[in-house]
Amino acid sequence: MKLKQLAMSSLPDATRSLLLRNSTATCAHAVLLIIFGVACQPVDKVAIYEKNNGKQPLQAELLAKIAVGYAKLGQEDKASRLLAPAIQTAKISKDINITQDLLEQLGTIYVEMGQYDKALQVAKSLQEIARAYQEIAKSFHSREPTAEIGSIDIRLKHITDRLVQVEQYEKALQVAKLISINVTSGSLNGKDYIISQSIVMSEVALKYAQTGQKAQAEQILVQALQKAKTSDEMVEIALKYAQVGQKAKALQLLTQAPQNVQYPDNNAEVAKVAKVAVKYAQVGQQAKGEQLLAQALQSIKKEKYDSIKNFYLADIAVDYAELGQCNQSIVIAKSIKDYPNYELFKDAYITHDGLIIGGSLDVFAEIAMTCAAVEQYEQAL
């Protein structure tokens, strides 16, 4: 029976009728409550509080963190008691964000406690939420719930990373395979990120290679490449091939990525070429990378709208820094007259010497961090 049918059949007639009249998100929540074994009826907040041993979500999260310490001391019983409120809150909370937060927290905590199978089970619970979103969207012929699934993918990536840190590569790979095949991208702490099942699998593959398990790494990279759907994924996997010693394969993949900067009124495609340029440099093809990036820069400069042009110039300035050309990066950044969208960057201001500071995006801060990473400290200053 489909999730939607299961959820609907277990509800009272009045509630079922209400959900059918309401949004996809509301019905998705109904299914998620069924997944965790909770009836979709109004729940008394006091009853929740009492049922959860008097612990609110924040308290439950803090107690779960303390549980790690007791587990490391060998006091498993006490650790289990401290984890109970977090587990219970994840089950009974009607707030999907709280549920997801606590599941991610539990996943990473189980890793720290050395309970890797339980961490995997928590990750599977997160995947079930993603599947419920997809199922409900399909049932109501609604859009793909990209943002909601992307949020879950980020949480699964965090659990994967934690497993990698403790060298549990097999479990990390299992969690990576729970991530959606669709690409999730964004920016966090000034750094762009891109997540998909294929990309995270390739990252785990690299760890296998670094521990001497090259054959296993190559096998995982083949699987990751088969799952890749976009050029963004392909160039990330190409870099991993280079890092495991298969430079020829890496270059073969890069030649299939966008390299034509002649895209009238399509700066997003030109920006992709700039990212490919960076990857060429990272696999040892510095000259090719510089050539492509110079072409991308010239194409962006032709943009007639300053707000759009400045947005992409900021990105290309950081790309130049990644190539190790920090002086050129700074020159490009100084040519930016203003940020693309005042509402997004209204906190930004220009100093007496023309530098743009503050706001949601600070191109000079990004350049400084990138130049420092490539050991060009004077330029970073």
Protein backbone atom coordinates (compact mmCIF):
# COMPACT_ATOMS: atom_id res chain seq x y z
CA MET A 1 0.00 0.00 0.00
CA LYS A 2 1.35 3.43 -0.87
CA LEU A 3 2.39 5.78 1.92
CA LYS A 4 -0.41 8.20 1.09
CA GLN A 5 -3.05 5.47 1.24
CA LEU A 6 -1.59 4.10 4.46
CA ALA A 7 -1.61 7.52 6.05
CA MET A 8 -5.10 8.42 4.89
CA SER A 9 -6.68 5.09 5.81
CA SER A 10 -5.47 5.40 9.40
CA LEU A 11 -7.02 8.82 9.99
CA PRO A 12 -10.47 9.79 11.21
CA ASP A 13 -12.94 10.80 8.47
CA ALA A 14 -12.91 14.48 9.45
CA THR A 15 -9.14 14.65 9.54
CA ARG A 16 -8.85 12.80 6.24
CA SER A 17 -11.29 15.21 4.60
CA LEU A 18 -9.35 18.20 5.96
CA LEU A 19 -6.05 16.91 4.62
CA LEU A 20 -7.49 16.29 1.18
CA ARG A 21 -8.52 19.93 1.03
CA ASN A 22 -5.16 21.20 2.25
CA SER A 23 -1.67 21.48 0.83
CA THR A 24 0.89 18.85 -0.12
CA ALA A 25 3.04 19.89 2.82
CA THR A 26 0.22 19.19 5.27
CA CYS A 27 -0.41 15.76 3.83
CA ALA A 28 3.28 15.01 3.73
CA HIS A 29 3.35 15.73 7.43
CA ALA A 30 0.53 13.24 7.92
CA VAL A 31 2.55 10.54 6.20
CA LEU A 32 5.64 11.38 8.21
CA LEU A 33 3.67 11.04 11.41
CA ILE A 34 2.52 7.59 10.28
CA ILE A 35 6.13 6.62 9.57
CA PHE A 36 6.98 7.33 13.18
CA GLY A 37 3.88 5.52 14.41
CA VAL A 38 1.96 8.62 15.51
CA ALA A 39 -1.71 9.26 14.82
CA CYS A 40 -2.40 12.44 12.85
CA GLN A 41 -4.55 14.10 15.49
CA PRO A 42 -4.07 17.26 17.54
CA VAL A 43 -1.63 16.50 20.35
CA ASP A 44 -1.78 18.27 23.68
CA LYS A 45 1.59 20.00 24.19
CA VAL A 46 1.43 19.29 27.91
CA ALA A 47 0.86 15.61 27.14
CA ILE A 48 3.91 15.60 24.86
CA TYR A 49 5.97 17.24 27.57
CA GLU A 50 4.89 14.69 30.17
CA LYS A 51 5.25 11.72 27.80
CA ASN A 52 8.77 12.87 27.02
CA ASN A 53 9.78 12.79 30.68
CA GLY A 54 9.41 16.53 30.92
CA LYS A 55 12.08 17.23 28.29
CA GLN A 56 11.67 19.81 25.55
CA PRO A 57 13.50 19.35 22.20
CA LEU A 58 16.46 21.56 23.17
CA GLN A 59 16.85 19.77 26.48
CA ALA A 60 16.64 16.43 24.70
CA GLU A 61 19.35 17.46 22.27
CA LEU A 62 21.68 18.62 25.05
CA LEU A 63 21.13 15.45 27.05
CA ALA A 64 21.93 13.40 23.96
CA LYS A 65 25.28 15.16 23.66
CA ILE A 66 26.05 14.45 27.32
CA ALA A 67 25.19 10.79 26.70
CA VAL A 68 28.29 10.49 24.50
CA GLY A 69 30.53 11.22 27.46
CA TYR A 70 28.90 8.57 29.62
CA ALA A 71 29.13 6.04 26.79
CA LYS A 72 32.87 6.70 26.50
CA LEU A 73 33.16 6.08 30.24
CA GLY A 74 31.48 2.71 29.76
CA GLN A 75 28.24 3.75 31.48
CA GLU A 76 25.98 2.46 28.70
CA ASP A 77 22.81 2.34 30.81
CA LYS A 78 23.07 5.99 31.77
CA ALA A 79 23.92 6.94 28.21
CA SER A 80 20.82 5.12 26.98
CA ARG A 81 18.61 6.91 29.51
CA LEU A 82 19.98 10.28 28.41
CA LEU A 83 19.35 9.45 24.75
CA ALA A 84 15.75 8.40 25.39
CA PRO A 85 14.24 11.93 25.36
CA ALA A 86 15.81 12.69 21.95
CA ILE A 87 14.52 9.43 20.50
CA GLN A 88 11.07 10.03 21.97
CA THR A 89 10.91 13.63 20.74
CA ALA A 90 11.84 12.54 17.21
CA LYS A 91 8.92 10.11 17.32
CA ILE A 92 6.23 12.37 18.73
CA SER A 93 7.15 15.83 17.46
CA LYS A 94 4.74 17.32 14.94
CA ASP A 95 7.44 19.73 13.81
CA ILE A 96 9.27 18.09 10.90
CA ASN A 97 12.29 20.35 11.34
CA ILE A 98 12.67 19.32 14.98
CA THR A 99 12.36 15.66 13.96
CA GLN A 100 15.04 16.04 11.29
CA ASP A 101 17.34 17.99 13.60
CA LEU A 102 17.12 15.34 16.29
CA LEU A 103 17.59 12.46 13.85
CA GLU A 104 20.74 14.07 12.48
CA GLN A 105 21.93 14.69 16.02
CA LEU A 106 21.23 11.08 16.99
CA GLY A 107 23.02 9.82 13.90
CA THR A 108 26.23 11.69 14.67
CA ILE A 109 26.01 10.82 18.36
CA TYR A 110 25.67 7.11 17.61
CA VAL A 111 28.81 7.40 15.49
CA GLU A 112 30.66 9.03 18.39
CA MET A 113 29.44 6.24 20.68
CA GLY A 114 30.70 3.61 18.25
CA GLN A 115 27.17 2.34 17.55
CA TYR A 116 27.49 2.45 13.78
CA ASP A 117 24.53 0.19 12.98
CA LYS A 118 22.24 2.49 14.94
CA ALA A 119 23.67 5.48 13.09
CA LEU A 120 22.80 3.76 9.82
CA GLN A 121 19.25 3.08 11.03
CA VAL A 122 18.80 6.75 11.89
CA ALA A 123 20.05 7.68 8.42
CA LYS A 124 17.47 5.33 6.93
CA SER A 125 14.77 7.10 8.96
CA LEU A 126 15.83 10.38 7.36
CA GLN A 127 15.63 8.76 3.94
CA GLU A 128 12.09 7.59 4.73
CA ILE A 129 11.11 11.20 5.30
CA ALA A 130 12.54 12.12 1.89
CA ARG A 131 10.62 9.26 0.28
CA ALA A 132 7.43 10.44 1.93
CA TYR A 133 7.91 13.92 0.48
CA GLN A 134 8.39 12.39 -2.97
CA GLU A 135 5.40 10.07 -2.64
CA ILE A 136 3.03 12.81 -1.58
CA ALA A 137 4.28 15.19 -4.28
CA LYS A 138 3.61 12.51 -6.90
CA SER A 139 0.17 11.71 -5.51
CA PHE A 140 -0.88 15.35 -5.70
CA HIS A 141 0.89 15.97 -9.02
CA SER A 142 2.88 18.63 -7.25
CA ARG A 143 6.42 19.83 -7.85
CA GLU A 144 9.38 17.76 -6.73
CA PRO A 145 9.97 18.80 -3.09
CA THR A 146 13.57 19.77 -3.91
CA ALA A 147 14.25 22.06 -0.95
CA GLU A 148 12.88 19.60 1.61
CA ILE A 149 14.81 16.65 0.18
CA GLY A 150 17.91 18.80 -0.19
CA SER A 151 17.77 19.59 3.52
CA ILE A 152 17.65 15.87 4.33
CA ASP A 153 20.53 15.19 1.93
CA ILE A 154 22.67 17.72 3.80
CA ARG A 155 21.91 15.92 7.07
CA LEU A 156 22.81 12.56 5.54
CA LYS A 157 26.05 14.08 4.27
CA HIS A 158 26.90 15.18 7.81
CA ILE A 159 26.42 11.63 9.11
CA THR A 160 28.52 10.30 6.21
CA ASP A 161 31.31 12.74 7.01
CA ARG A 162 31.30 11.73 10.65
CA LEU A 163 31.57 8.05 9.72
CA VAL A 164 34.47 8.86 7.40
CA GLN A 165 36.23 10.70 10.21
CA VAL A 166 36.21 7.54 12.35
CA GLU A 167 37.29 5.47 9.32
CA GLN A 168 34.01 3.56 9.03
CA TYR A 169 34.12 3.72 5.25
CA GLU A 170 31.73 0.85 4.54
CA LYS A 171 29.02 2.38 6.73
CA ALA A 172 29.78 5.82 5.26
CA LEU A 173 29.21 4.42 1.77
CA GLN A 174 25.90 2.88 2.86
CA VAL A 175 24.70 6.25 4.15
CA ALA A 176 25.98 8.03 1.03
CA LYS A 177 23.78 5.73 -1.07
CA LEU A 178 20.73 6.98 0.85
CA ILE A 179 21.29 10.51 -0.49
CA SER A 180 19.12 11.65 -3.38
CA ILE A 181 20.50 11.37 -6.92
CA ASN A 182 19.44 14.98 -7.45
CA VAL A 183 21.93 17.79 -6.88
CA THR A 184 21.66 20.08 -3.85
CA SER A 185 23.81 23.20 -3.89
CA GLY A 186 24.23 26.30 -1.81
CA SER A 187 26.65 28.30 0.27
CA LEU A 188 27.68 27.84 3.90
CA ASN A 189 30.15 30.01 5.82
CA GLY A 190 31.23 31.68 2.59
CA LYS A 191 31.96 28.40 0.80
CA ASP A 192 29.89 26.91 -2.00
CA TYR A 193 28.87 23.30 -1.66
CA ILE A 194 27.29 20.75 -3.98
CA ILE A 195 25.79 17.47 -2.76
CA SER A 196 24.37 14.46 -4.57
CA GLN A 197 24.59 10.72 -4.12
CA SER A 198 27.28 10.41 -6.80
CA ILE A 199 29.45 13.20 -5.39
CA VAL A 200 29.36 11.93 -1.81
CA MET A 201 30.10 8.40 -3.02
CA SER A 202 33.15 9.73 -4.88
CA GLU A 203 34.34 11.42 -1.68
CA VAL A 204 34.12 8.11 0.19
CA ALA A 205 35.95 6.44 -2.71
CA LEU A 206 38.83 8.87 -2.26
CA LYS A 207 39.12 7.87 1.40
CA TYR A 208 39.31 4.21 0.40
CA ALA A 209 42.16 5.08 -1.99
CA GLN A 210 44.00 7.06 0.67
CA THR A 211 44.01 4.00 2.92
CA GLY A 212 45.51 1.82 0.19
CA GLN A 213 42.26 0.26 -1.02
CA LYS A 214 42.63 1.53 -4.57
CA ALA A 215 40.66 -1.26 -6.28
CA GLN A 216 37.66 -0.62 -4.00
CA ALA A 217 37.97 3.12 -4.63
CA GLU A 218 37.92 2.66 -8.40
CA GLN A 219 34.89 0.38 -8.17
CA ILE A 220 32.98 3.00 -6.18
CA LEU A 221 33.99 5.74 -8.63
CA VAL A 222 32.55 3.69 -11.51
CA GLN A 223 29.26 3.39 -9.59
CA ALA A 224 29.28 7.11 -8.76
CA LEU A 225 29.85 8.04 -12.40
CA GLN A 226 26.93 5.87 -13.47
CA LYS A 227 24.66 7.80 -11.11
CA ALA A 228 25.90 11.26 -12.17
CA LYS A 229 23.25 13.24 -14.04
CA THR A 230 24.86 16.68 -14.40
CA SER A 231 28.12 18.24 -15.54
CA ASP A 232 28.61 19.55 -11.99
CA GLU A 233 28.74 15.99 -10.71
CA MET A 234 30.97 14.86 -13.56
CA VAL A 235 33.66 17.45 -12.88
CA GLU A 236 33.66 16.61 -9.16
CA ILE A 237 34.11 12.92 -9.95
CA ALA A 238 36.82 13.80 -12.48
CA LEU A 239 38.80 15.44 -9.70
CA LYS A 240 38.49 12.31 -7.55
CA TYR A 241 39.78 10.18 -10.45
CA ALA A 242 42.83 12.44 -10.66
CA GLN A 243 43.35 12.20 -6.91
CA VAL A 244 43.38 8.39 -7.01
CA GLY A 245 45.98 8.46 -9.78
CA GLN A 246 43.76 8.11 -12.87
CA LYS A 247 44.62 11.41 -14.53
CA ALA A 248 43.78 10.23 -18.05
CA LYS A 249 40.25 9.28 -16.93
CA ALA A 250 39.91 12.63 -15.18
CA LEU A 251 40.85 14.55 -18.32
CA GLN A 252 38.49 12.43 -20.39
CA LEU A 253 35.61 13.40 -18.11
CA LEU A 254 36.57 17.06 -18.10
CA THR A 255 36.50 17.21 -21.90
CA GLN A 256 32.81 16.24 -21.67
CA ALA A 257 32.04 19.17 -19.37
CA PRO A 258 30.91 22.61 -20.64
CA GLN A 259 33.77 24.55 -22.24
CA ASN A 260 31.98 26.86 -24.65
CA VAL A 261 31.68 30.40 -23.31
CA GLN A 262 29.67 31.63 -26.29
CA TYR A 263 26.32 31.58 -24.52
CA PRO A 264 24.41 34.79 -25.28
CA ASP A 265 22.43 35.88 -22.24
CA ASN A 266 23.28 32.70 -20.36
CA ASN A 267 25.87 33.63 -17.78
CA ALA A 268 25.01 30.59 -15.68
CA GLU A 269 26.50 28.36 -18.39
CA VAL A 270 29.59 30.56 -18.57
CA ALA A 271 29.93 30.24 -14.78
CA LYS A 272 29.95 26.46 -15.21
CA VAL A 273 32.85 26.80 -17.65
CA ALA A 274 34.70 28.79 -14.99
CA LYS A 275 34.23 25.94 -12.50
CA VAL A 276 35.53 23.47 -15.09
CA ALA A 277 38.58 25.72 -15.50
CA VAL A 278 39.31 25.38 -11.80
CA LYS A 279 39.07 21.61 -12.03
CA TYR A 280 41.54 21.55 -14.95
CA ALA A 281 44.04 23.39 -12.76
CA GLN A 282 43.39 21.02 -9.87
CA VAL A 283 44.23 17.99 -12.03
CA GLY A 284 47.48 19.59 -13.15
CA GLN A 285 46.33 21.32 -16.35
CA GLN A 286 47.04 24.88 -15.17
CA ALA A 287 47.41 26.40 -18.64
CA LYS A 288 44.09 24.92 -19.82
CA GLY A 289 42.41 26.19 -16.69
CA GLU A 290 43.76 29.70 -17.14
CA GLN A 291 42.70 29.71 -20.78
CA LEU A 292 39.11 28.71 -20.02
CA LEU A 293 38.82 31.10 -17.09
CA ALA A 294 40.09 34.04 -19.18
CA GLN A 295 37.47 33.25 -21.81
CA ALA A 296 34.75 33.05 -19.19
CA LEU A 297 35.85 36.40 -17.74
CA GLN A 298 35.71 38.12 -21.12
CA SER A 299 32.24 36.69 -21.76
CA ILE A 300 30.92 37.91 -18.39
CA LYS A 301 32.32 41.39 -19.01
CA LYS A 302 30.00 41.69 -22.02
CA GLU A 303 26.93 41.48 -19.78
CA LYS A 304 25.07 44.80 -20.12
CA TYR A 305 23.36 44.75 -16.72
CA ASP A 306 25.81 45.69 -13.98
CA SER A 307 23.93 43.87 -11.22
CA ILE A 308 24.14 40.56 -13.10
CA LYS A 309 27.68 41.16 -14.27
CA ASN A 310 28.92 41.96 -10.77
CA PHE A 311 27.37 38.80 -9.37
CA TYR A 312 29.31 36.60 -11.78
CA LEU A 313 32.47 38.70 -11.52
CA ALA A 314 32.54 37.95 -7.80
CA ASP A 315 32.42 34.22 -8.53
CA ILE A 316 35.15 34.43 -11.18
CA ALA A 317 37.35 36.48 -8.84
CA VAL A 318 37.24 33.60 -6.36
CA ASP A 319 37.87 31.11 -9.18
CA TYR A 320 41.08 32.99 -10.05
CA ALA A 321 42.15 32.74 -6.42
CA GLU A 322 41.59 28.98 -6.56
CA LEU A 323 43.95 28.88 -9.55
CA GLY A 324 46.55 30.60 -7.39
CA GLN A 325 46.24 33.88 -9.30
CA CYS A 326 45.38 36.00 -6.30
CA ASN A 327 46.59 39.31 -7.73
CA GLN A 328 44.28 38.94 -10.73
CA SER A 329 41.52 37.86 -8.36
CA ILE A 330 41.86 41.07 -6.36
CA VAL A 331 41.89 43.21 -9.51
CA ILE A 332 38.61 41.65 -10.66
CA ALA A 333 37.01 42.04 -7.22
CA LYS A 334 37.94 45.72 -7.08
CA SER A 335 36.20 46.25 -10.42
CA ILE A 336 32.87 45.29 -8.84
CA LYS A 337 30.95 48.49 -8.28
CA ASP A 338 28.10 47.15 -6.19
CA TYR A 339 26.43 43.92 -5.21
CA PRO A 340 23.79 42.42 -7.50
CA ASN A 341 20.82 42.63 -5.18
CA TYR A 342 20.53 45.32 -2.53
CA GLU A 343 18.03 43.34 -0.49
CA LEU A 344 20.42 40.40 -0.25
CA PHE A 345 23.47 42.51 0.46
CA LYS A 346 22.06 45.63 2.09
CA ASP A 347 24.50 45.36 5.02
CA ALA A 348 27.45 45.69 2.68
CA TYR A 349 29.33 48.97 2.47
CA ILE A 350 32.34 50.41 0.63
CA THR A 351 35.39 51.50 2.61
CA HIS A 352 37.36 54.68 1.91
CA ASP A 353 39.76 52.73 -0.34
CA GLY A 354 36.98 51.14 -2.39
CA LEU A 355 36.73 47.71 -0.77
CA ILE A 356 33.29 46.15 -0.39
CA ILE A 357 32.69 44.69 3.06
CA GLY A 358 29.85 42.97 4.86
CA GLY A 359 26.53 41.70 3.62
CA SER A 360 25.64 38.11 2.94
CA LEU A 361 28.47 37.81 0.45
CA ASP A 362 31.91 39.30 0.94
CA VAL A 363 34.03 38.55 -2.09
CA PHE A 364 37.23 39.83 -0.47
CA ALA A 365 36.75 37.56 2.53
CA GLU A 366 36.34 34.61 0.17
CA ILE A 367 39.43 35.62 -1.78
CA ALA A 368 41.42 36.02 1.43
CA MET A 369 40.47 32.53 2.64
CA THR A 370 41.18 31.00 -0.76
CA CYS A 371 44.56 32.75 -1.14
CA ALA A 372 45.54 31.62 2.34
CA ALA A 373 44.60 28.06 1.39
CA VAL A 374 47.01 28.19 -1.57
CA GLU A 375 49.68 29.72 0.71
CA GLN A 376 49.65 33.20 -0.83
CA TYR A 377 49.50 34.95 2.52
CA GLU A 378 50.52 38.45 1.42
CA GLN A 379 47.65 38.55 -1.06
CA ALA A 380 45.32 37.15 1.58
CA LEU A 381 46.18 40.11 3.79
